[in-house]
Amino acid sequence: MENNNVVILDLDRPRELKLTHKTMKRFLKRRNLSMEDMESGGMNYELMTDLISEMLRREEPDLTEAQCDDLLDMVPIGVLMEKGAQAIQAAFETGIENPTEAKAV
């Protein structure tokens, strides 16, 4: 079964937003947060754009913070929030009817 958890954000070119295990770990470490912090505190604009920047670096690791900011300036803030939320939702979808029965292979 294939789980296509990629969201496309049109910037200078179509960019893939994919929230992976490594991306989430880098984001949490950089922000000094835990998953519990994320669940209880919600996702504000600053956190969302930092997370999107980490997702952009997954595809292009050499992007600097300034380059990410320039890319994010290409679209309205509402689009960033919407696409970021879609990427988060896609990452947590399992495609399994009963996720508690999911097993690693």
PDB file of N, CA and C in Angstrom:
ATOM      1  N   MET A   1       0.838  -1.182   0.000  1.00  0.00           N
ATOM      2  CA  MET A   1       0.000   0.000   0.000  1.00  0.00           C
ATOM      3  C   MET A   1       0.880   1.241   0.000  1.00  0.00           C
ATOM      4  N   GLU A   2       0.545   2.197  -0.847  1.00  0.00           N
ATOM      5  CA  GLU A   2       1.322   3.425  -0.973  1.00  0.00           C
ATOM      6  C   GLU A   2       0.620   4.547  -0.228  1.00  0.00           C
ATOM      7  N   ASN A   3       1.374   5.303   0.539  1.00  0.00           N
ATOM      8  CA  ASN A   3       0.842   6.449   1.267  1.00  0.00           C
ATOM      9  C   ASN A   3       1.519   7.693   0.697  1.00  0.00           C
ATOM     10  N   ASN A   4       0.828   8.407  -0.172  1.00  0.00           N
ATOM     11  CA  ASN A   4       1.392   9.596  -0.798  1.00  0.00           C
ATOM     12  C   ASN A   4       1.136  10.792   0.115  1.00  0.00           C
ATOM     13  N   ASN A   5       2.074  11.063   0.990  1.00  0.00           N
ATOM     14  CA  ASN A   5       1.891  12.133   1.966  1.00  0.00           C
ATOM     15  C   ASN A   5       2.678  13.384   1.595  1.00  0.00           C
ATOM     16  N   VAL A   6       2.647  13.740   0.316  1.00  0.00           N
ATOM     17  CA  VAL A   6       3.343  14.926  -0.187  1.00  0.00           C
ATOM     18  C   VAL A   6       2.320  15.997  -0.548  1.00  0.00           C
ATOM     19  N   VAL A   7       2.606  17.224  -0.162  1.00  0.00           N
ATOM     20  CA  VAL A   7       1.796  18.389  -0.539  1.00  0.00           C
ATOM     21  C   VAL A   7       2.694  19.277  -1.385  1.00  0.00           C
ATOM     22  N   ILE A   8       2.160  19.790  -2.479  1.00  0.00           N
ATOM     23  CA  ILE A   8       2.928  20.665  -3.372  1.00  0.00           C
ATOM     24  C   ILE A   8       2.647  22.124  -3.030  1.00  0.00           C
ATOM     25  N   LEU A   9       3.729  22.874  -2.859  1.00  0.00           N
ATOM     26  CA  LEU A   9       3.646  24.317  -2.627  1.00  0.00           C
ATOM     27  C   LEU A   9       4.338  25.001  -3.797  1.00  0.00           C
ATOM     28  N   ASP A  10       3.582  25.784  -4.552  1.00  0.00           N
ATOM     29  CA  ASP A  10       4.134  26.466  -5.731  1.00  0.00           C
ATOM     30  C   ASP A  10       4.869  27.728  -5.296  1.00  0.00           C
ATOM     31  N   LEU A  11       6.188  27.679  -5.387  1.00  0.00           N
ATOM     32  CA  LEU A  11       7.040  28.821  -5.056  1.00  0.00           C
ATOM     33  C   LEU A  11       7.782  29.223  -6.324  1.00  0.00           C
ATOM     34  N   ASP A  12       9.100  29.246  -6.318  1.00  0.00           N
ATOM     35  CA  ASP A  12       9.866  29.517  -7.540  1.00  0.00           C
ATOM     36  C   ASP A  12       9.655  28.384  -8.541  1.00  0.00           C
ATOM     37  N   ARG A  13       9.302  27.235  -8.010  1.00  0.00           N
ATOM     38  CA  ARG A  13       8.925  26.039  -8.768  1.00  0.00           C
ATOM     39  C   ARG A  13       8.089  25.198  -7.817  1.00  0.00           C
ATOM     40  N   PRO A  14       7.415  24.191  -8.302  1.00  0.00           N
ATOM     41  CA  PRO A  14       6.669  23.346  -7.355  1.00  0.00           C
ATOM     42  C   PRO A  14       7.631  22.696  -6.350  1.00  0.00           C
ATOM     43  N   ARG A  15       7.346  22.885  -5.086  1.00  0.00           N
ATOM     44  CA  ARG A  15       8.184  22.338  -4.017  1.00  0.00           C
ATOM     45  C   ARG A  15       7.373  21.318  -3.228  1.00  0.00           C
ATOM     46  N   GLU A  16       8.027  20.224  -2.850  1.00  0.00           N
ATOM     47  CA  GLU A  16       7.368  19.187  -2.075  1.00  0.00           C
ATOM     48  C   GLU A  16       7.454  19.499  -0.585  1.00  0.00           C
ATOM     49  N   LEU A  17       6.310  19.458   0.069  1.00  0.00           N
ATOM     50  CA  LEU A  17       6.258  19.522   1.521  1.00  0.00           C
ATOM     51  C   LEU A  17       5.907  18.128   1.997  1.00  0.00           C
ATOM     52  N   LYS A  18       6.850  17.498   2.654  1.00  0.00           N
ATOM     53  CA  LYS A  18       6.640  16.156   3.172  1.00  0.00           C
ATOM     54  C   LYS A  18       7.219  16.109   4.577  1.00  0.00           C
ATOM     55  N   LEU A  19       6.345  15.862   5.533  1.00  0.00           N
ATOM     56  CA  LEU A  19       6.767  15.799   6.917  1.00  0.00           C
ATOM     57  C   LEU A  19       7.185  14.368   7.235  1.00  0.00           C
ATOM     58  N   THR A  20       8.475  14.165   7.383  1.00  0.00           N
ATOM     59  CA  THR A  20       9.021  12.847   7.679  1.00  0.00           C
ATOM     60  C   THR A  20       9.509  12.803   9.126  1.00  0.00           C
ATOM     61  N   HIS A  21       9.885  11.626   9.551  1.00  0.00           N
ATOM     62  CA  HIS A  21      10.437  11.439  10.896  1.00  0.00           C
ATOM     63  C   HIS A  21      11.656  12.345  11.117  1.00  0.00           C
ATOM     64  N   LYS A  22      12.591  12.326  10.161  1.00  0.00           N
ATOM     65  CA  LYS A  22      13.803  13.142  10.302  1.00  0.00           C
ATOM     66  C   LYS A  22      13.487  14.628  10.320  1.00  0.00           C
ATOM     67  N   THR A  23      12.578  15.037   9.451  1.00  0.00           N
ATOM     68  CA  THR A  23      12.200  16.448   9.390  1.00  0.00           C
ATOM     69  C   THR A  23      11.592  16.895  10.715  1.00  0.00           C
ATOM     70  N   MET A  24      10.713  16.080  11.266  1.00  0.00           N
ATOM     71  CA  MET A  24      10.082  16.425  12.540  1.00  0.00           C
ATOM     72  C   MET A  24      11.120  16.470  13.656  1.00  0.00           C
ATOM     73  N   LYS A  25      12.042  15.519  13.698  1.00  0.00           N
ATOM     74  CA  LYS A  25      13.084  15.525  14.731  1.00  0.00           C
ATOM     75  C   LYS A  25      13.952  16.775  14.641  1.00  0.00           C
ATOM     76  N   ARG A  26      14.351  17.163  13.409  1.00  0.00           N
ATOM     77  CA  ARG A  26      15.177  18.367  13.247  1.00  0.00           C
ATOM     78  C   ARG A  26      14.414  19.613  13.710  1.00  0.00           C
ATOM     79  N   PHE A  27      13.151  19.685  13.325  1.00  0.00           N
ATOM     80  CA  PHE A  27      12.323  20.827  13.714  1.00  0.00           C
ATOM     81  C   PHE A  27      12.190  20.910  15.231  1.00  0.00           C
ATOM     82  N   LEU A  28      11.835  19.809  15.878  1.00  0.00           N
ATOM     83  CA  LEU A  28      11.645  19.808  17.326  1.00  0.00           C
ATOM     84  C   LEU A  28      12.939  20.158  18.060  1.00  0.00           C
ATOM     85  N   LYS A  29      14.062  19.624  17.580  1.00  0.00           N
ATOM     86  CA  LYS A  29      15.356  19.914  18.207  1.00  0.00           C
ATOM     87  C   LYS A  29      15.709  21.391  18.045  1.00  0.00           C
ATOM     88  N   ARG A  30      15.518  21.908  16.835  1.00  0.00           N
ATOM     89  CA  ARG A  30      15.847  23.310  16.566  1.00  0.00           C
ATOM     90  C   ARG A  30      15.018  24.264  17.417  1.00  0.00           C
ATOM     91  N   ARG A  31      13.765  23.913  17.640  1.00  0.00           N
ATOM     92  CA  ARG A  31      12.855  24.761  18.415  1.00  0.00           C
ATOM     93  C   ARG A  31      12.838  24.408  19.900  1.00  0.00           C
ATOM     94  N   ASN A  32      13.590  23.361  20.280  1.00  0.00           N
ATOM     95  CA  ASN A  32      13.613  22.890  21.663  1.00  0.00           C
ATOM     96  C   ASN A  32      12.193  22.571  22.160  1.00  0.00           C
ATOM     97  N   LEU A  33      11.477  21.793  21.355  1.00  0.00           N
ATOM     98  CA  LEU A  33      10.103  21.398  21.665  1.00  0.00           C
ATOM     99  C   LEU A  33      10.004  19.881  21.727  1.00  0.00           C
ATOM    100  N   SER A  34       8.939  19.411  22.338  1.00  0.00           N
ATOM    101  CA  SER A  34       8.600  17.993  22.308  1.00  0.00           C
ATOM    102  C   SER A  34       7.292  17.847  21.536  1.00  0.00           C
ATOM    103  N   MET A  35       6.940  16.615  21.208  1.00  0.00           N
ATOM    104  CA  MET A  35       5.651  16.399  20.543  1.00  0.00           C
ATOM    105  C   MET A  35       4.515  16.818  21.464  1.00  0.00           C
ATOM    106  N   GLU A  36       4.683  16.616  22.748  1.00  0.00           N
ATOM    107  CA  GLU A  36       3.657  17.029  23.708  1.00  0.00           C
ATOM    108  C   GLU A  36       3.467  18.549  23.670  1.00  0.00           C
ATOM    109  N   ASP A  37       4.572  19.291  23.542  1.00  0.00           N
ATOM    110  CA  ASP A  37       4.479  20.749  23.417  1.00  0.00           C
ATOM    111  C   ASP A  37       3.666  21.119  22.185  1.00  0.00           C
ATOM    112  N   MET A  38       3.925  20.415  21.084  1.00  0.00           N
ATOM    113  CA  MET A  38       3.225  20.706  19.831  1.00  0.00           C
ATOM    114  C   MET A  38       1.729  20.430  19.970  1.00  0.00           C
ATOM    115  N   GLU A  39       1.387  19.317  20.606  1.00  0.00           N
ATOM    116  CA  GLU A  39      -0.013  18.937  20.752  1.00  0.00           C
ATOM    117  C   GLU A  39      -0.759  19.889  21.676  1.00  0.00           C
ATOM    118  N   SER A  40      -0.107  20.342  22.730  1.00  0.00           N
ATOM    119  CA  SER A  40      -0.792  21.192  23.692  1.00  0.00           C
ATOM    120  C   SER A  40      -0.768  22.670  23.298  1.00  0.00           C
ATOM    121  N   GLY A  41       0.273  23.094  22.582  1.00  0.00           N
ATOM    122  CA  GLY A  41       0.427  24.510  22.290  1.00  0.00           C
ATOM    123  C   GLY A  41      -0.138  24.969  20.965  1.00  0.00           C
ATOM    124  N   GLY A  42      -0.470  24.047  20.079  1.00  0.00           N
ATOM    125  CA  GLY A  42      -0.978  24.442  18.778  1.00  0.00           C
ATOM    126  C   GLY A  42       0.129  24.919  17.861  1.00  0.00           C
ATOM    127  N   MET A  43      -0.259  25.277  16.665  1.00  0.00           N
ATOM    128  CA  MET A  43       0.703  25.656  15.631  1.00  0.00           C
ATOM    129  C   MET A  43       0.466  27.113  15.248  1.00  0.00           C
ATOM    130  N   ASN A  44       1.336  27.994  15.714  1.00  0.00           N
ATOM    131  CA  ASN A  44       1.227  29.392  15.330  1.00  0.00           C
ATOM    132  C   ASN A  44       2.012  29.637  14.034  1.00  0.00           C
ATOM    133  N   TYR A  45       1.963  30.848  13.541  1.00  0.00           N
ATOM    134  CA  TYR A  45       2.596  31.166  12.257  1.00  0.00           C
ATOM    135  C   TYR A  45       4.107  30.934  12.276  1.00  0.00           C
ATOM    136  N   GLU A  46       4.767  31.360  13.332  1.00  0.00           N
ATOM    137  CA  GLU A  46       6.225  31.208  13.409  1.00  0.00           C
ATOM    138  C   GLU A  46       6.627  29.732  13.386  1.00  0.00           C
ATOM    139  N   LEU A  47       5.919  28.916  14.160  1.00  0.00           N
ATOM    140  CA  LEU A  47       6.213  27.479  14.161  1.00  0.00           C
ATOM    141  C   LEU A  47       5.924  26.852  12.807  1.00  0.00           C
ATOM    142  N   MET A  48       4.797  27.243  12.214  1.00  0.00           N
ATOM    143  CA  MET A  48       4.427  26.668  10.921  1.00  0.00           C
ATOM    144  C   MET A  48       5.463  26.995   9.850  1.00  0.00           C
ATOM    145  N   THR A  49       5.910  28.243   9.792  1.00  0.00           N
ATOM    146  CA  THR A  49       6.884  28.594   8.757  1.00  0.00           C
ATOM    147  C   THR A  49       8.238  27.930   9.015  1.00  0.00           C
ATOM    148  N   ASP A  50       8.597  27.749  10.280  1.00  0.00           N
ATOM    149  CA  ASP A  50       9.828  27.008  10.587  1.00  0.00           C
ATOM    150  C   ASP A  50       9.704  25.556  10.144  1.00  0.00           C
ATOM    151  N   LEU A  51       8.544  24.967  10.382  1.00  0.00           N
ATOM    152  CA  LEU A  51       8.329  23.585   9.963  1.00  0.00           C
ATOM    153  C   LEU A  51       8.339  23.467   8.441  1.00  0.00           C
ATOM    154  N   ILE A  52       7.717  24.407   7.750  1.00  0.00           N
ATOM    155  CA  ILE A  52       7.739  24.407   6.286  1.00  0.00           C
ATOM    156  C   ILE A  52       9.176  24.544   5.783  1.00  0.00           C
ATOM    157  N   SER A  53       9.955  25.412   6.412  1.00  0.00           N
ATOM    158  CA  SER A  53      11.357  25.568   6.014  1.00  0.00           C
ATOM    159  C   SER A  53      12.117  24.255   6.155  1.00  0.00           C
ATOM    160  N   GLU A  54      11.871  23.527   7.237  1.00  0.00           N
ATOM    161  CA  GLU A  54      12.509  22.221   7.412  1.00  0.00           C
ATOM    162  C   GLU A  54      12.073  21.249   6.322  1.00  0.00           C
ATOM    163  N   MET A  55      10.807  21.308   5.942  1.00  0.00           N
ATOM    164  CA  MET A  55      10.328  20.432   4.867  1.00  0.00           C
ATOM    165  C   MET A  55      10.971  20.811   3.533  1.00  0.00           C
ATOM    166  N   LEU A  56      11.190  22.103   3.302  1.00  0.00           N
ATOM    167  CA  LEU A  56      11.871  22.531   2.078  1.00  0.00           C
ATOM    168  C   LEU A  56      13.320  22.040   2.069  1.00  0.00           C
ATOM    169  N   ARG A  57      13.957  22.070   3.226  1.00  0.00           N
ATOM    170  CA  ARG A  57      15.351  21.603   3.326  1.00  0.00           C
ATOM    171  C   ARG A  57      15.475  20.094   3.155  1.00  0.00           C
ATOM    172  N   ARG A  58      14.395  19.363   3.385  1.00  0.00           N
ATOM    173  CA  ARG A  58      14.414  17.920   3.147  1.00  0.00           C
ATOM    174  C   ARG A  58      14.714  17.654   1.678  1.00  0.00           C
ATOM    175  N   GLU A  59      14.132  18.467   0.822  1.00  0.00           N
ATOM    176  CA  GLU A  59      14.317  18.337  -0.621  1.00  0.00           C
ATOM    177  C   GLU A  59      15.616  19.004  -1.091  1.00  0.00           C
ATOM    178  N   GLU A  60      15.976  20.104  -0.448  1.00  0.00           N
ATOM    179  CA  GLU A  60      17.168  20.875  -0.834  1.00  0.00           C
ATOM    180  C   GLU A  60      17.928  21.297   0.429  1.00  0.00           C
ATOM    181  N   PRO A  61      18.789  20.417   0.950  1.00  0.00           N
ATOM    182  CA  PRO A  61      19.436  20.630   2.250  1.00  0.00           C
ATOM    183  C   PRO A  61      20.276  21.895   2.374  1.00  0.00           C
ATOM    184  N   ASP A  62      20.757  22.452   1.282  1.00  0.00           N
ATOM    185  CA  ASP A  62      21.633  23.626   1.367  1.00  0.00           C
ATOM    186  C   ASP A  62      20.883  24.950   1.486  1.00  0.00           C
ATOM    187  N   LEU A  63      19.564  24.928   1.512  1.00  0.00           N
ATOM    188  CA  LEU A  63      18.806  26.175   1.656  1.00  0.00           C
ATOM    189  C   LEU A  63      19.104  26.814   3.007  1.00  0.00           C
ATOM    190  N   THR A  64      19.424  28.093   2.980  1.00  0.00           N
ATOM    191  CA  THR A  64      19.636  28.835   4.223  1.00  0.00           C
ATOM    192  C   THR A  64      18.293  29.344   4.742  1.00  0.00           C
ATOM    193  N   GLU A  65      18.305  29.832   5.967  1.00  0.00           N
ATOM    194  CA  GLU A  65      17.086  30.404   6.534  1.00  0.00           C
ATOM    195  C   GLU A  65      16.611  31.594   5.689  1.00  0.00           C
ATOM    196  N   ALA A  66      17.549  32.441   5.259  1.00  0.00           N
ATOM    197  CA  ALA A  66      17.198  33.606   4.436  1.00  0.00           C
ATOM    198  C   ALA A  66      16.599  33.163   3.088  1.00  0.00           C
ATOM    199  N   GLN A  67      17.159  32.133   2.483  1.00  0.00           N
ATOM    200  CA  GLN A  67      16.617  31.636   1.217  1.00  0.00           C
ATOM    201  C   GLN A  67      15.216  31.070   1.411  1.00  0.00           C
ATOM    202  N   CYS A  68      15.012  30.354   2.514  1.00  0.00           N
ATOM    203  CA  CYS A  68      13.671  29.837   2.809  1.00  0.00           C
ATOM    204  C   CYS A  68      12.686  30.990   2.984  1.00  0.00           C
ATOM    205  N   ASP A  69      13.098  32.025   3.709  1.00  0.00           N
ATOM    206  CA  ASP A  69      12.227  33.186   3.898  1.00  0.00           C
ATOM    207  C   ASP A  69      11.878  33.836   2.560  1.00  0.00           C
ATOM    208  N   ASP A  70      12.858  33.958   1.668  1.00  0.00           N
ATOM    209  CA  ASP A  70      12.593  34.534   0.346  1.00  0.00           C
ATOM    210  C   ASP A  70      11.591  33.687  -0.429  1.00  0.00           C
ATOM    211  N   LEU A  71      11.737  32.383  -0.349  1.00  0.00           N
ATOM    212  CA  LEU A  71      10.792  31.491  -1.029  1.00  0.00           C
ATOM    213  C   LEU A  71       9.388  31.640  -0.436  1.00  0.00           C
ATOM    214  N   LEU A  72       9.301  31.675   0.880  1.00  0.00           N
ATOM    215  CA  LEU A  72       7.993  31.769   1.534  1.00  0.00           C
ATOM    216  C   LEU A  72       7.320  33.110   1.277  1.00  0.00           C
ATOM    217  N   ASP A  73       8.110  34.140   0.976  1.00  0.00           N
ATOM    218  CA  ASP A  73       7.540  35.445   0.635  1.00  0.00           C
ATOM    219  C   ASP A  73       6.790  35.434  -0.699  1.00  0.00           C
ATOM    220  N   MET A  74       6.944  34.370  -1.473  1.00  0.00           N
ATOM    221  CA  MET A  74       6.321  34.296  -2.800  1.00  0.00           C
ATOM    222  C   MET A  74       4.832  33.980  -2.753  1.00  0.00           C
ATOM    223  N   VAL A  75       4.323  33.570  -1.602  1.00  0.00           N
ATOM    224  CA  VAL A  75       2.904  33.214  -1.506  1.00  0.00           C
ATOM    225  C   VAL A  75       2.266  33.897  -0.299  1.00  0.00           C
ATOM    226  N   PRO A  76       0.950  34.085  -0.335  1.00  0.00           N
ATOM    227  CA  PRO A  76       0.270  34.699   0.808  1.00  0.00           C
ATOM    228  C   PRO A  76       0.395  33.845   2.074  1.00  0.00           C
ATOM    229  N   ILE A  77       0.346  34.502   3.205  1.00  0.00           N
ATOM    230  CA  ILE A  77       0.460  33.833   4.500  1.00  0.00           C
ATOM    231  C   ILE A  77      -0.605  32.754   4.660  1.00  0.00           C
ATOM    232  N   GLY A  78      -1.804  33.021   4.224  1.00  0.00           N
ATOM    233  CA  GLY A  78      -2.881  32.037   4.335  1.00  0.00           C
ATOM    234  C   GLY A  78      -2.576  30.749   3.585  1.00  0.00           C
ATOM    235  N   VAL A  79      -1.922  30.876   2.436  1.00  0.00           N
ATOM    236  CA  VAL A  79      -1.531  29.699   1.657  1.00  0.00           C
ATOM    237  C   VAL A  79      -0.489  28.892   2.425  1.00  0.00           C
ATOM    238  N   LEU A  80       0.468  29.575   3.050  1.00  0.00           N
ATOM    239  CA  LEU A  80       1.480  28.878   3.843  1.00  0.00           C
ATOM    240  C   LEU A  80       0.837  28.082   4.975  1.00  0.00           C
ATOM    241  N   MET A  81      -0.084  28.703   5.682  1.00  0.00           N
ATOM    242  CA  MET A  81      -0.737  28.034   6.799  1.00  0.00           C
ATOM    243  C   MET A  81      -1.550  26.832   6.301  1.00  0.00           C
ATOM    244  N   GLU A  82      -2.264  27.017   5.199  1.00  0.00           N
ATOM    245  CA  GLU A  82      -3.091  25.942   4.653  1.00  0.00           C
ATOM    246  C   GLU A  82      -2.240  24.766   4.177  1.00  0.00           C
ATOM    247  N   LYS A  83      -1.198  25.052   3.402  1.00  0.00           N
ATOM    248  CA  LYS A  83      -0.344  23.986   2.870  1.00  0.00           C
ATOM    249  C   LYS A  83       0.427  23.288   3.981  1.00  0.00           C
ATOM    250  N   GLY A  84       0.887  24.051   4.966  1.00  0.00           N
ATOM    251  CA  GLY A  84       1.568  23.443   6.101  1.00  0.00           C
ATOM    252  C   GLY A  84       0.651  22.505   6.867  1.00  0.00           C
ATOM    253  N   ALA A  85      -0.585  22.955   7.099  1.00  0.00           N
ATOM    254  CA  ALA A  85      -1.562  22.115   7.797  1.00  0.00           C
ATOM    255  C   ALA A  85      -1.868  20.850   6.993  1.00  0.00           C
ATOM    256  N   GLN A  86      -1.958  20.983   5.672  1.00  0.00           N
ATOM    257  CA  GLN A  86      -2.198  19.814   4.826  1.00  0.00           C
ATOM    258  C   GLN A  86      -1.042  18.818   4.918  1.00  0.00           C
ATOM    259  N   ALA A  87       0.188  19.327   4.959  1.00  0.00           N
ATOM    260  CA  ALA A  87       1.364  18.452   5.059  1.00  0.00           C
ATOM    261  C   ALA A  87       1.382  17.723   6.401  1.00  0.00           C
ATOM    262  N   ILE A  88       1.014  18.416   7.462  1.00  0.00           N
ATOM    263  CA  ILE A  88       0.959  17.782   8.779  1.00  0.00           C
ATOM    264  C   ILE A  88      -0.113  16.693   8.779  1.00  0.00           C
ATOM    265  N   GLN A  89      -1.282  17.042   8.267  1.00  0.00           N
ATOM    266  CA  GLN A  89      -2.372  16.064   8.220  1.00  0.00           C
ATOM    267  C   GLN A  89      -1.970  14.847   7.390  1.00  0.00           C
ATOM    268  N   ALA A  90      -1.357  15.076   6.253  1.00  0.00           N
ATOM    269  CA  ALA A  90      -0.939  13.972   5.382  1.00  0.00           C
ATOM    270  C   ALA A  90       0.082  13.073   6.076  1.00  0.00           C
ATOM    271  N   ALA A  91       0.954  13.652   6.880  1.00  0.00           N
ATOM    272  CA  ALA A  91       1.979  12.873   7.569  1.00  0.00           C
ATOM    273  C   ALA A  91       1.391  11.941   8.614  1.00  0.00           C
ATOM    274  N   PHE A  92       0.290  12.344   9.209  1.00  0.00           N
ATOM    275  CA  PHE A  92      -0.290  11.547  10.283  1.00  0.00           C
ATOM    276  C   PHE A  92      -1.397  10.615   9.811  1.00  0.00           C
ATOM    277  N   GLU A  93      -1.755  10.667   8.537  1.00  0.00           N
ATOM    278  CA  GLU A  93      -2.727   9.719   7.997  1.00  0.00           C
ATOM    279  C   GLU A  93      -2.039   8.377   7.826  1.00  0.00           C
ATOM    280  N   THR A  94      -2.727   7.332   8.213  1.00  0.00           N
ATOM    281  CA  THR A  94      -2.122   6.005   8.132  1.00  0.00           C
ATOM    282  C   THR A  94      -2.599   5.211   6.931  1.00  0.00           C
ATOM    283  N   GLY A  95      -3.801   5.498   6.435  1.00  0.00           N
ATOM    284  CA  GLY A  95      -4.351   4.687   5.354  1.00  0.00           C
ATOM    285  C   GLY A  95      -4.805   3.325   5.849  1.00  0.00           C
ATOM    286  N   ILE A  96      -4.800   3.148   7.166  1.00  0.00           N
ATOM    287  CA  ILE A  96      -5.207   1.889   7.782  1.00  0.00           C
ATOM    288  C   ILE A  96      -6.520   2.138   8.511  1.00  0.00           C
ATOM    289  N   GLU A  97      -7.487   1.231   8.316  1.00  0.00           N
ATOM    290  CA  GLU A  97      -8.790   1.418   8.942  1.00  0.00           C
ATOM    291  C   GLU A  97      -8.700   1.500  10.456  1.00  0.00           C
ATOM    292  N   ASN A  98      -7.902   0.643  11.065  1.00  0.00           N
ATOM    293  CA  ASN A  98      -7.754   0.621  12.508  1.00  0.00           C
ATOM    294  C   ASN A  98      -6.280   0.832  12.843  1.00  0.00           C
ATOM    295  N   PRO A  99      -5.852   2.090  13.012  1.00  0.00           N
ATOM    296  CA  PRO A  99      -4.418   2.384  13.219  1.00  0.00           C
ATOM    297  C   PRO A  99      -3.812   1.678  14.427  1.00  0.00           C
ATOM    298  N   THR A 100      -4.621   1.313  15.426  1.00  0.00           N
ATOM    299  CA  THR A 100      -4.062   0.640  16.599  1.00  0.00           C
ATOM    300  C   THR A 100      -3.575  -0.759  16.265  1.00  0.00           C
ATOM    301  N   GLU A 101      -4.006  -1.304  15.115  1.00  0.00           N
ATOM    302  CA  GLU A 101      -3.567  -2.628  14.701  1.00  0.00           C
ATOM    303  C   GLU A 101      -2.384  -2.581  13.745  1.00  0.00           C
ATOM    304  N   ALA A 102      -1.883  -1.383  13.450  1.00  0.00           N
ATOM    305  CA  ALA A 102      -0.771  -1.243  12.527  1.00  0.00           C
ATOM    306  C   ALA A 102       0.484  -1.849  13.126  1.00  0.00           C
ATOM    307  N   LYS A 103       1.239  -2.527  12.293  1.00  0.00           N
ATOM    308  CA  LYS A 103       2.491  -3.142  12.735  1.00  0.00           C
ATOM    309  C   LYS A 103       3.604  -2.749  11.781  1.00  0.00           C
ATOM    310  N   ALA A 104       4.791  -2.566  12.336  1.00  0.00           N
ATOM    311  CA  ALA A 104       5.956  -2.286  11.511  1.00  0.00           C
ATOM    312  C   ALA A 104       6.361  -3.560  10.778  1.00  0.00           C
ATOM    313  N   VAL A 105       6.811  -3.388   9.556  1.00  0.00           N
ATOM    314  CA  VAL A 105       7.282  -4.542   8.783  1.00  0.00           C
ATOM    315  C   VAL A 105       8.766  -4.444   8.546  1.00  0.00           C
TER     316      VAL A 105
END
